[in-house]
Amino acid sequence: MRNNYWSIGAFADWLRGTPSLKMGTSQQWSVWTKAAKAKHPIRFWLAEEGLSMLQNFVMSPVDAIYNVK
């Protein structure tokens, strides 16, 4: 499984509408996730799930070549 780096950058923060935490406990992340989802649910999905799907699609040819090695 690939790390979804596209979901953690400045563009993702802008798309989500709320900046992500730079660091925090699991409880702080849980509170942030609930607040971000409540504030902009569609934008949150686009930033978290949509960007991950897009990254997987764009990088699939590179992954296929790497897997052949």
PDB file of N, CA and C in Angstrom:
ATOM      1  N   MET A   1       0.845  -1.184   0.000  1.00  0.00           N
ATOM      2  CA  MET A   1       0.000   0.000   0.000  1.00  0.00           C
ATOM      3  C   MET A   1       0.887   1.243   0.000  1.00  0.00           C
ATOM      4  N   ARG A   2       0.507   2.191  -0.761  1.00  0.00           N
ATOM      5  CA  ARG A   2       1.285   3.406  -0.945  1.00  0.00           C
ATOM      6  C   ARG A   2       0.881   4.441   0.110  1.00  0.00           C
ATOM      7  N   ASN A   3       1.854   5.262   0.488  1.00  0.00           N
ATOM      8  CA  ASN A   3       1.550   6.426   1.324  1.00  0.00           C
ATOM      9  C   ASN A   3       0.913   7.486   0.437  1.00  0.00           C
ATOM     10  N   ASN A   4      -0.093   8.129   0.932  1.00  0.00           N
ATOM     11  CA  ASN A   4      -0.804   9.132   0.148  1.00  0.00           C
ATOM     12  C   ASN A   4      -0.320  10.520   0.533  1.00  0.00           C
ATOM     13  N   TYR A   5       0.801  10.889  -0.062  1.00  0.00           N
ATOM     14  CA  TYR A   5       1.426  12.160   0.242  1.00  0.00           C
ATOM     15  C   TYR A   5       0.634  13.343  -0.283  1.00  0.00           C
ATOM     16  N   TRP A   6      -0.166  13.143  -1.302  1.00  0.00           N
ATOM     17  CA  TRP A   6      -0.913  14.254  -1.881  1.00  0.00           C
ATOM     18  C   TRP A   6      -1.962  14.784  -0.907  1.00  0.00           C
ATOM     19  N   SER A   7      -2.350  13.985   0.076  1.00  0.00           N
ATOM     20  CA  SER A   7      -3.380  14.391   1.025  1.00  0.00           C
ATOM     21  C   SER A   7      -2.834  15.174   2.211  1.00  0.00           C
ATOM     22  N   ILE A   8      -1.528  15.424   2.251  1.00  0.00           N
ATOM     23  CA  ILE A   8      -0.965  16.095   3.423  1.00  0.00           C
ATOM     24  C   ILE A   8      -0.273  17.406   3.104  1.00  0.00           C
ATOM     25  N   GLY A   9      -0.365  17.876   1.886  1.00  0.00           N
ATOM     26  CA  GLY A   9       0.343  19.088   1.503  1.00  0.00           C
ATOM     27  C   GLY A   9      -0.491  20.349   1.644  1.00  0.00           C
ATOM     28  N   ALA A  10       0.092  21.440   1.200  1.00  0.00           N
ATOM     29  CA  ALA A  10      -0.576  22.743   1.270  1.00  0.00           C
ATOM     30  C   ALA A  10      -1.824  22.781   0.385  1.00  0.00           C
ATOM     31  N   PHE A  11      -1.754  22.133  -0.790  1.00  0.00           N
ATOM     32  CA  PHE A  11      -2.926  22.095  -1.666  1.00  0.00           C
ATOM     33  C   PHE A  11      -4.079  21.354  -0.997  1.00  0.00           C
ATOM     34  N   ALA A  12      -3.782  20.258  -0.321  1.00  0.00           N
ATOM     35  CA  ALA A  12      -4.818  19.507   0.390  1.00  0.00           C
ATOM     36  C   ALA A  12      -5.433  20.356   1.509  1.00  0.00           C
ATOM     37  N   ASP A  13      -4.605  21.106   2.217  1.00  0.00           N
ATOM     38  CA  ASP A  13      -5.128  22.002   3.260  1.00  0.00           C
ATOM     39  C   ASP A  13      -6.061  23.042   2.655  1.00  0.00           C
ATOM     40  N   TRP A  14      -5.662  23.603   1.521  1.00  0.00           N
ATOM     41  CA  TRP A  14      -6.508  24.597   0.857  1.00  0.00           C
ATOM     42  C   TRP A  14      -7.812  23.964   0.387  1.00  0.00           C
ATOM     43  N   LEU A  15      -7.716  22.796  -0.230  1.00  0.00           N
ATOM     44  CA  LEU A  15      -8.904  22.106  -0.735  1.00  0.00           C
ATOM     45  C   LEU A  15      -9.834  21.712   0.407  1.00  0.00           C
ATOM     46  N   ARG A  16      -9.275  21.244   1.487  1.00  0.00           N
ATOM     47  CA  ARG A  16     -10.049  20.798   2.647  1.00  0.00           C
ATOM     48  C   ARG A  16     -10.739  21.971   3.336  1.00  0.00           C
ATOM     49  N   GLY A  17     -10.111  23.131   3.293  1.00  0.00           N
ATOM     50  CA  GLY A  17     -10.681  24.302   3.945  1.00  0.00           C
ATOM     51  C   GLY A  17     -10.242  24.472   5.382  1.00  0.00           C
ATOM     52  N   THR A  18      -9.534  23.512   5.903  1.00  0.00           N
ATOM     53  CA  THR A  18      -8.998  23.583   7.262  1.00  0.00           C
ATOM     54  C   THR A  18      -7.579  23.037   7.239  1.00  0.00           C
ATOM     55  N   PRO A  19      -6.629  23.757   7.790  1.00  0.00           N
ATOM     56  CA  PRO A  19      -5.255  23.234   7.806  1.00  0.00           C
ATOM     57  C   PRO A  19      -5.149  22.021   8.724  1.00  0.00           C
ATOM     58  N   SER A  20      -4.365  21.046   8.301  1.00  0.00           N
ATOM     59  CA  SER A  20      -4.198  19.852   9.124  1.00  0.00           C
ATOM     60  C   SER A  20      -3.223  20.122  10.258  1.00  0.00           C
ATOM     61  N   LEU A  21      -3.273  19.267  11.242  1.00  0.00           N
ATOM     62  CA  LEU A  21      -2.333  19.361  12.351  1.00  0.00           C
ATOM     63  C   LEU A  21      -0.948  18.982  11.861  1.00  0.00           C
ATOM     64  N   LYS A  22       0.050  19.625  12.384  1.00  0.00           N
ATOM     65  CA  LYS A  22       1.430  19.241  12.053  1.00  0.00           C
ATOM     66  C   LYS A  22       1.859  18.053  12.905  1.00  0.00           C
ATOM     67  N   MET A  23       1.377  18.004  14.129  1.00  0.00           N
ATOM     68  CA  MET A  23       1.601  16.865  15.007  1.00  0.00           C
ATOM     69  C   MET A  23       0.561  16.919  16.119  1.00  0.00           C
ATOM     70  N   GLY A  24       0.308  15.779  16.721  1.00  0.00           N
ATOM     71  CA  GLY A  24      -0.659  15.731  17.805  1.00  0.00           C
ATOM     72  C   GLY A  24      -0.889  14.306  18.261  1.00  0.00           C
ATOM     73  N   THR A  25      -1.601  14.185  19.355  1.00  0.00           N
ATOM     74  CA  THR A  25      -1.941  12.864  19.877  1.00  0.00           C
ATOM     75  C   THR A  25      -3.079  12.285  19.048  1.00  0.00           C
ATOM     76  N   SER A  26      -3.364  11.016  19.256  1.00  0.00           N
ATOM     77  CA  SER A  26      -4.463  10.394  18.513  1.00  0.00           C
ATOM     78  C   SER A  26      -5.794  11.052  18.866  1.00  0.00           C
ATOM     79  N   GLN A  27      -5.935  11.499  20.097  1.00  0.00           N
ATOM     80  CA  GLN A  27      -7.160  12.185  20.500  1.00  0.00           C
ATOM     81  C   GLN A  27      -7.277  13.536  19.784  1.00  0.00           C
ATOM     82  N   GLN A  28      -6.183  14.272  19.675  1.00  0.00           N
ATOM     83  CA  GLN A  28      -6.208  15.553  18.962  1.00  0.00           C
ATOM     84  C   GLN A  28      -6.527  15.347  17.485  1.00  0.00           C
ATOM     85  N   TRP A  29      -5.983  14.299  16.882  1.00  0.00           N
ATOM     86  CA  TRP A  29      -6.286  14.017  15.477  1.00  0.00           C
ATOM     87  C   TRP A  29      -7.756  13.641  15.303  1.00  0.00           C
ATOM     88  N   SER A  30      -8.287  12.899  16.252  1.00  0.00           N
ATOM     89  CA  SER A  30      -9.696  12.514  16.187  1.00  0.00           C
ATOM     90  C   SER A  30     -10.597  13.740  16.268  1.00  0.00           C
ATOM     91  N   VAL A  31     -10.290  14.655  17.167  1.00  0.00           N
ATOM     92  CA  VAL A  31     -11.066  15.891  17.308  1.00  0.00           C
ATOM     93  C   VAL A  31     -10.948  16.732  16.038  1.00  0.00           C
ATOM     94  N   TRP A  32      -9.733  16.847  15.487  1.00  0.00           N
ATOM     95  CA  TRP A  32      -9.535  17.618  14.260  1.00  0.00           C
ATOM     96  C   TRP A  32     -10.304  17.007  13.094  1.00  0.00           C
ATOM     97  N   THR A  33     -10.262  15.691  12.963  1.00  0.00           N
ATOM     98  CA  THR A  33     -10.965  15.010  11.872  1.00  0.00           C
ATOM     99  C   THR A  33     -12.464  15.256  11.958  1.00  0.00           C
ATOM    100  N   LYS A  34     -13.040  15.117  13.136  1.00  0.00           N
ATOM    101  CA  LYS A  34     -14.477  15.353  13.304  1.00  0.00           C
ATOM    102  C   LYS A  34     -14.837  16.799  12.987  1.00  0.00           C
ATOM    103  N   ALA A  35     -14.022  17.739  13.450  1.00  0.00           N
ATOM    104  CA  ALA A  35     -14.295  19.159  13.200  1.00  0.00           C
ATOM    105  C   ALA A  35     -14.173  19.487  11.714  1.00  0.00           C
ATOM    106  N   ALA A  36     -13.138  18.957  11.057  1.00  0.00           N
ATOM    107  CA  ALA A  36     -12.934  19.237   9.628  1.00  0.00           C
ATOM    108  C   ALA A  36     -14.052  18.629   8.785  1.00  0.00           C
ATOM    109  N   LYS A  37     -14.482  17.413   9.137  1.00  0.00           N
ATOM    110  CA  LYS A  37     -15.591  16.777   8.410  1.00  0.00           C
ATOM    111  C   LYS A  37     -16.883  17.554   8.600  1.00  0.00           C
ATOM    112  N   ALA A  38     -17.117  18.040   9.807  1.00  0.00           N
ATOM    113  CA  ALA A  38     -18.354  18.781  10.089  1.00  0.00           C
ATOM    114  C   ALA A  38     -18.371  20.126   9.371  1.00  0.00           C
ATOM    115  N   LYS A  39     -17.214  20.764   9.251  1.00  0.00           N
ATOM    116  CA  LYS A  39     -17.147  22.088   8.649  1.00  0.00           C
ATOM    117  C   LYS A  39     -17.343  22.038   7.135  1.00  0.00           C
ATOM    118  N   HIS A  40     -16.646  21.130   6.463  1.00  0.00           N
ATOM    119  CA  HIS A  40     -16.727  21.002   5.000  1.00  0.00           C
ATOM    120  C   HIS A  40     -16.674  19.520   4.628  1.00  0.00           C
ATOM    121  N   PRO A  41     -17.785  18.780   4.708  1.00  0.00           N
ATOM    122  CA  PRO A  41     -17.719  17.326   4.471  1.00  0.00           C
ATOM    123  C   PRO A  41     -17.288  16.948   3.053  1.00  0.00           C
ATOM    124  N   ILE A  42     -17.751  17.655   2.052  1.00  0.00           N
ATOM    125  CA  ILE A  42     -17.395  17.311   0.672  1.00  0.00           C
ATOM    126  C   ILE A  42     -15.943  17.659   0.406  1.00  0.00           C
ATOM    127  N   ARG A  43     -15.520  18.836   0.854  1.00  0.00           N
ATOM    128  CA  ARG A  43     -14.127  19.238   0.662  1.00  0.00           C
ATOM    129  C   ARG A  43     -13.189  18.317   1.431  1.00  0.00           C
ATOM    130  N   PHE A  44     -13.604  17.863   2.602  1.00  0.00           N
ATOM    131  CA  PHE A  44     -12.791  16.927   3.377  1.00  0.00           C
ATOM    132  C   PHE A  44     -12.614  15.628   2.605  1.00  0.00           C
ATOM    133  N   TRP A  45     -13.709  15.113   2.033  1.00  0.00           N
ATOM    134  CA  TRP A  45     -13.622  13.881   1.260  1.00  0.00           C
ATOM    135  C   TRP A  45     -12.710  14.062   0.050  1.00  0.00           C
ATOM    136  N   LEU A  46     -12.854  15.188  -0.647  1.00  0.00           N
ATOM    137  CA  LEU A  46     -12.008  15.445  -1.814  1.00  0.00           C
ATOM    138  C   LEU A  46     -10.531  15.459  -1.441  1.00  0.00           C
ATOM    139  N   ALA A  47     -10.204  16.100  -0.328  1.00  0.00           N
ATOM    140  CA  ALA A  47      -8.802  16.218   0.087  1.00  0.00           C
ATOM    141  C   ALA A  47      -8.252  14.888   0.598  1.00  0.00           C
ATOM    142  N   GLU A  48      -9.044  14.141   1.315  1.00  0.00           N
ATOM    143  CA  GLU A  48      -8.550  12.899   1.921  1.00  0.00           C
ATOM    144  C   GLU A  48      -8.675  11.702   0.983  1.00  0.00           C
ATOM    145  N   GLU A  49      -9.844  11.452   0.459  1.00  0.00           N
ATOM    146  CA  GLU A  49     -10.073  10.276  -0.371  1.00  0.00           C
ATOM    147  C   GLU A  49      -9.816  10.562  -1.849  1.00  0.00           C
ATOM    148  N   GLY A  50     -10.325  11.689  -2.333  1.00  0.00           N
ATOM    149  CA  GLY A  50     -10.201  12.013  -3.748  1.00  0.00           C
ATOM    150  C   GLY A  50      -8.756  12.161  -4.195  1.00  0.00           C
ATOM    151  N   LEU A  51      -7.965  12.883  -3.419  1.00  0.00           N
ATOM    152  CA  LEU A  51      -6.549  13.052  -3.773  1.00  0.00           C
ATOM    153  C   LEU A  51      -5.793  11.724  -3.687  1.00  0.00           C
ATOM    154  N   SER A  52      -6.175  10.872  -2.747  1.00  0.00           N
ATOM    155  CA  SER A  52      -5.536   9.559  -2.646  1.00  0.00           C
ATOM    156  C   SER A  52      -5.847   8.710  -3.867  1.00  0.00           C
ATOM    157  N   MET A  53      -7.115   8.736  -4.300  1.00  0.00           N
ATOM    158  CA  MET A  53      -7.495   7.993  -5.502  1.00  0.00           C
ATOM    159  C   MET A  53      -6.773   8.529  -6.731  1.00  0.00           C
ATOM    160  N   LEU A  54      -6.705   9.840  -6.842  1.00  0.00           N
ATOM    161  CA  LEU A  54      -6.018  10.458  -7.973  1.00  0.00           C
ATOM    162  C   LEU A  54      -4.534  10.093  -7.968  1.00  0.00           C
ATOM    163  N   GLN A  55      -3.904  10.128  -6.815  1.00  0.00           N
ATOM    164  CA  GLN A  55      -2.497   9.765  -6.716  1.00  0.00           C
ATOM    165  C   GLN A  55      -2.292   8.317  -7.140  1.00  0.00           C
ATOM    166  N   ASN A  56      -3.149   7.418  -6.687  1.00  0.00           N
ATOM    167  CA  ASN A  56      -3.016   6.011  -7.055  1.00  0.00           C
ATOM    168  C   ASN A  56      -3.186   5.818  -8.558  1.00  0.00           C
ATOM    169  N   PHE A  57      -4.113   6.542  -9.178  1.00  0.00           N
ATOM    170  CA  PHE A  57      -4.334   6.442 -10.619  1.00  0.00           C
ATOM    171  C   PHE A  57      -3.137   6.973 -11.403  1.00  0.00           C
ATOM    172  N   VAL A  58      -2.661   8.148 -11.026  1.00  0.00           N
ATOM    173  CA  VAL A  58      -1.547   8.772 -11.748  1.00  0.00           C
ATOM    174  C   VAL A  58      -0.268   7.954 -11.594  1.00  0.00           C
ATOM    175  N   MET A  59      -0.056   7.405 -10.435  1.00  0.00           N
ATOM    176  CA  MET A  59       1.185   6.678 -10.173  1.00  0.00           C
ATOM    177  C   MET A  59       1.124   5.201 -10.556  1.00  0.00           C
ATOM    178  N   SER A  60      -0.020   4.702 -11.019  1.00  0.00           N
ATOM    179  CA  SER A  60      -0.136   3.273 -11.335  1.00  0.00           C
ATOM    180  C   SER A  60       0.834   2.815 -12.421  1.00  0.00           C
ATOM    181  N   PRO A  61       1.098   3.591 -13.496  1.00  0.00           N
ATOM    182  CA  PRO A  61       2.110   3.123 -14.460  1.00  0.00           C
ATOM    183  C   PRO A  61       3.511   3.011 -13.835  1.00  0.00           C
ATOM    184  N   VAL A  62       3.861   3.957 -13.009  1.00  0.00           N
ATOM    185  CA  VAL A  62       5.169   3.908 -12.335  1.00  0.00           C
ATOM    186  C   VAL A  62       5.229   2.699 -11.405  1.00  0.00           C
ATOM    187  N   ASP A  63       4.139   2.449 -10.682  1.00  0.00           N
ATOM    188  CA  ASP A  63       4.100   1.291  -9.792  1.00  0.00           C
ATOM    189  C   ASP A  63       4.224  -0.011 -10.580  1.00  0.00           C
ATOM    190  N   ALA A  64       3.560  -0.092 -11.749  1.00  0.00           N
ATOM    191  CA  ALA A  64       3.631  -1.301 -12.554  1.00  0.00           C
ATOM    192  C   ALA A  64       5.058  -1.549 -13.031  1.00  0.00           C
ATOM    193  N   ILE A  65       5.736  -0.500 -13.473  1.00  0.00           N
ATOM    194  CA  ILE A  65       7.133  -0.648 -13.908  1.00  0.00           C
ATOM    195  C   ILE A  65       8.015  -1.045 -12.748  1.00  0.00           C
ATOM    196  N   TYR A  66       7.794  -0.438 -11.596  1.00  0.00           N
ATOM    197  CA  TYR A  66       8.600  -0.784 -10.417  1.00  0.00           C
ATOM    198  C   TYR A  66       8.372  -2.231 -10.007  1.00  0.00           C
ATOM    199  N   ASN A  67       7.126  -2.710 -10.097  1.00  0.00           N
ATOM    200  CA  ASN A  67       6.812  -4.086  -9.706  1.00  0.00           C
ATOM    201  C   ASN A  67       7.433  -5.103 -10.654  1.00  0.00           C
ATOM    202  N   VAL A  68       7.637  -4.743 -11.912  1.00  0.00           N
ATOM    203  CA  VAL A  68       8.268  -5.642 -12.865  1.00  0.00           C
ATOM    204  C   VAL A  68       9.735  -5.871 -12.490  1.00  0.00           C
ATOM    205  N   LYS A  69      10.362  -4.839 -11.954  1.00  0.00           N
ATOM    206  CA  LYS A  69      11.761  -4.970 -11.515  1.00  0.00           C
ATOM    207  C   LYS A  69      11.854  -6.069 -10.497  1.00  0.00           C
TER     208      LYS A  69
END
